[in-house]
Amino acid sequence: MTTRRQFMFTVMPAAATLAVTATAVRAADRVDEKDPAAVALGYKHDATKVDAKKYPTYKAGAACGNCQFYQGKPADAWAGCPLLAGKQVNGKGWCTGYAKKA
């Protein structure tokens, strides 16, 4: 017969391990600025560091968080983007595929 205490000592470490693993997987899904697709789109994790001369379509205030392709809420730090194969982009990032959310 299993007691509640034995059950908790068995389940809690497993739950903690699962949470850490899920966090690591999410971090691995984040796009790297050096990824070929990201380079092709001029993606930057921080929109304020975009070279406006190189990318004249960039406008101050434009960021992934307010782009129509951003698959999260505007306040989410990271969310998926179909332009970068569903990898997660920074909500404060920017790329040439930016299209203001309607």
C-alpha atoms as a PDB file:
ATOM      1  CA  MET A   1       0.000   0.000   0.000  1.00  0.00           C
ATOM      2  CA  THR A   2       1.369   3.414  -0.983  1.00  0.00           C
ATOM      3  CA  THR A   3       1.009   6.279   1.406  1.00  0.00           C
ATOM      4  CA  ARG A   4       0.365   9.842   0.329  1.00  0.00           C
ATOM      5  CA  ARG A   5       3.860  10.812   1.512  1.00  0.00           C
ATOM      6  CA  GLN A   6       5.502   8.078  -0.597  1.00  0.00           C
ATOM      7  CA  PHE A   7       3.429   9.132  -3.570  1.00  0.00           C
ATOM      8  CA  MET A   8       4.480  12.791  -3.200  1.00  0.00           C
ATOM      9  CA  PHE A   9       8.159  11.865  -2.861  1.00  0.00           C
ATOM     10  CA  THR A  10       7.848   9.909  -6.097  1.00  0.00           C
ATOM     11  CA  VAL A  11       5.776  12.378  -8.125  1.00  0.00           C
ATOM     12  CA  MET A  12       7.379  15.717  -7.155  1.00  0.00           C
ATOM     13  CA  PRO A  13      10.903  14.970  -8.482  1.00  0.00           C
ATOM     14  CA  ALA A  14       9.404  13.628 -11.704  1.00  0.00           C
ATOM     15  CA  ALA A  15       7.277  16.762 -12.128  1.00  0.00           C
ATOM     16  CA  ALA A  16      10.288  19.005 -11.490  1.00  0.00           C
ATOM     17  CA  THR A  17      12.345  17.105 -14.070  1.00  0.00           C
ATOM     18  CA  LEU A  18       9.549  17.406 -16.599  1.00  0.00           C
ATOM     19  CA  ALA A  19       9.283  21.179 -16.037  1.00  0.00           C
ATOM     20  CA  VAL A  20      13.026  21.666 -16.542  1.00  0.00           C
ATOM     21  CA  THR A  21      12.979  19.541 -19.688  1.00  0.00           C
ATOM     22  CA  ALA A  22      10.040  21.493 -21.139  1.00  0.00           C
ATOM     23  CA  THR A  23      11.864  24.779 -20.516  1.00  0.00           C
ATOM     24  CA  ALA A  24      14.997  23.483 -22.241  1.00  0.00           C
ATOM     25  CA  VAL A  25      12.974  22.355 -25.257  1.00  0.00           C
ATOM     26  CA  ARG A  26      11.334  25.761 -25.578  1.00  0.00           C
ATOM     27  CA  ALA A  27      14.720  27.488 -25.409  1.00  0.00           C
ATOM     28  CA  ALA A  28      16.055  25.160 -28.118  1.00  0.00           C
ATOM     29  CA  ASP A  29      13.206  26.216 -30.419  1.00  0.00           C
ATOM     30  CA  ARG A  30      14.325  29.857 -30.358  1.00  0.00           C
ATOM     31  CA  VAL A  31      15.706  31.124 -33.626  1.00  0.00           C
ATOM     32  CA  ASP A  32      19.388  32.011 -33.762  1.00  0.00           C
ATOM     33  CA  GLU A  33      20.245  35.317 -35.478  1.00  0.00           C
ATOM     34  CA  LYS A  34      22.886  33.376 -37.456  1.00  0.00           C
ATOM     35  CA  ASP A  35      20.334  30.855 -38.766  1.00  0.00           C
ATOM     36  CA  PRO A  36      20.324  31.108 -42.609  1.00  0.00           C
ATOM     37  CA  ALA A  37      16.591  31.919 -42.712  1.00  0.00           C
ATOM     38  CA  ALA A  38      17.016  34.581 -40.018  1.00  0.00           C
ATOM     39  CA  VAL A  39      19.950  36.126 -41.884  1.00  0.00           C
ATOM     40  CA  ALA A  40      17.924  36.171 -45.126  1.00  0.00           C
ATOM     41  CA  LEU A  41      15.121  38.036 -43.333  1.00  0.00           C
ATOM     42  CA  GLY A  42      17.486  40.367 -41.452  1.00  0.00           C
ATOM     43  CA  TYR A  43      16.092  39.100 -38.135  1.00  0.00           C
ATOM     44  CA  LYS A  44      17.387  40.712 -34.938  1.00  0.00           C
ATOM     45  CA  HIS A  45      16.379  39.770 -31.376  1.00  0.00           C
ATOM     46  CA  ASP A  46      16.324  43.480 -30.496  1.00  0.00           C
ATOM     47  CA  ALA A  47      14.551  45.755 -32.995  1.00  0.00           C
ATOM     48  CA  THR A  48      16.396  48.812 -31.680  1.00  0.00           C
ATOM     49  CA  LYS A  49      19.619  47.315 -33.082  1.00  0.00           C
ATOM     50  CA  VAL A  50      18.334  47.048 -36.663  1.00  0.00           C
ATOM     51  CA  ASP A  51      20.475  48.962 -39.180  1.00  0.00           C
ATOM     52  CA  ALA A  52      17.892  51.360 -40.649  1.00  0.00           C
ATOM     53  CA  LYS A  53      20.185  52.166 -43.594  1.00  0.00           C
ATOM     54  CA  LYS A  54      20.504  48.506 -44.522  1.00  0.00           C
ATOM     55  CA  TYR A  55      16.789  47.847 -43.919  1.00  0.00           C
ATOM     56  CA  PRO A  56      14.876  50.985 -44.981  1.00  0.00           C
ATOM     57  CA  THR A  57      11.516  49.279 -44.348  1.00  0.00           C
ATOM     58  CA  TYR A  58      12.255  49.308 -40.602  1.00  0.00           C
ATOM     59  CA  LYS A  59      10.254  51.881 -38.664  1.00  0.00           C
ATOM     60  CA  ALA A  60      10.734  52.720 -34.996  1.00  0.00           C
ATOM     61  CA  GLY A  61       8.181  50.866 -32.887  1.00  0.00           C
ATOM     62  CA  ALA A  62       7.956  47.925 -35.282  1.00  0.00           C
ATOM     63  CA  ALA A  63       8.588  44.664 -33.442  1.00  0.00           C
ATOM     64  CA  CYS A  64       7.659  41.005 -33.686  1.00  0.00           C
ATOM     65  CA  GLY A  65       5.198  41.426 -30.805  1.00  0.00           C
ATOM     66  CA  ASN A  66       2.973  43.648 -32.963  1.00  0.00           C
ATOM     67  CA  CYS A  67       3.449  41.759 -36.243  1.00  0.00           C
ATOM     68  CA  GLN A  68       0.614  39.785 -37.837  1.00  0.00           C
ATOM     69  CA  PHE A  69       2.838  36.695 -38.064  1.00  0.00           C
ATOM     70  CA  TYR A  70       3.679  36.626 -34.327  1.00  0.00           C
ATOM     71  CA  GLN A  71       1.873  33.574 -32.926  1.00  0.00           C
ATOM     72  CA  GLY A  72       1.747  34.737 -29.330  1.00  0.00           C
ATOM     73  CA  LYS A  73       0.216  37.568 -27.380  1.00  0.00           C
ATOM     74  CA  PRO A  74       1.903  40.966 -27.843  1.00  0.00           C
ATOM     75  CA  ALA A  75       3.178  40.789 -24.243  1.00  0.00           C
ATOM     76  CA  ASP A  76       4.777  37.324 -24.690  1.00  0.00           C
ATOM     77  CA  ALA A  77       8.574  37.414 -24.528  1.00  0.00           C
ATOM     78  CA  TRP A  78       8.940  34.668 -27.177  1.00  0.00           C
ATOM     79  CA  ALA A  79       6.484  33.075 -29.612  1.00  0.00           C
ATOM     80  CA  GLY A  80       6.479  31.142 -32.858  1.00  0.00           C
ATOM     81  CA  CYS A  81       6.797  32.702 -36.297  1.00  0.00           C
ATOM     82  CA  PRO A  82       5.802  30.913 -39.515  1.00  0.00           C
ATOM     83  CA  LEU A  83       8.333  32.973 -41.494  1.00  0.00           C
ATOM     84  CA  LEU A  84      11.117  31.257 -39.556  1.00  0.00           C
ATOM     85  CA  ALA A  85       9.782  27.704 -39.752  1.00  0.00           C
ATOM     86  CA  GLY A  86       7.723  28.090 -36.574  1.00  0.00           C
ATOM     87  CA  LYS A  87      10.777  28.764 -34.414  1.00  0.00           C
ATOM     88  CA  GLN A  88      10.329  31.189 -31.568  1.00  0.00           C
ATOM     89  CA  VAL A  89      11.251  34.820 -32.074  1.00  0.00           C
ATOM     90  CA  ASN A  90      11.731  37.522 -29.490  1.00  0.00           C
ATOM     91  CA  GLY A  91       8.681  39.769 -29.061  1.00  0.00           C
ATOM     92  CA  LYS A  92      11.072  42.726 -29.186  1.00  0.00           C
ATOM     93  CA  GLY A  93      12.717  41.438 -32.359  1.00  0.00           C
ATOM     94  CA  TRP A  94      12.220  42.449 -35.997  1.00  0.00           C
ATOM     95  CA  CYS A  95      12.733  41.121 -39.531  1.00  0.00           C
ATOM     96  CA  THR A  96      12.001  42.277 -43.077  1.00  0.00           C
ATOM     97  CA  GLY A  97       8.829  40.150 -43.109  1.00  0.00           C
ATOM     98  CA  TYR A  98       7.258  42.478 -40.529  1.00  0.00           C
ATOM     99  CA  ALA A  99       3.631  43.335 -41.250  1.00  0.00           C
ATOM    100  CA  LYS A 100       1.775  45.446 -38.686  1.00  0.00           C
ATOM    101  CA  LYS A 101      -1.041  43.554 -36.995  1.00  0.00           C
ATOM    102  CA  ALA A 102      -4.399  44.913 -38.103  1.00  0.00           C
END
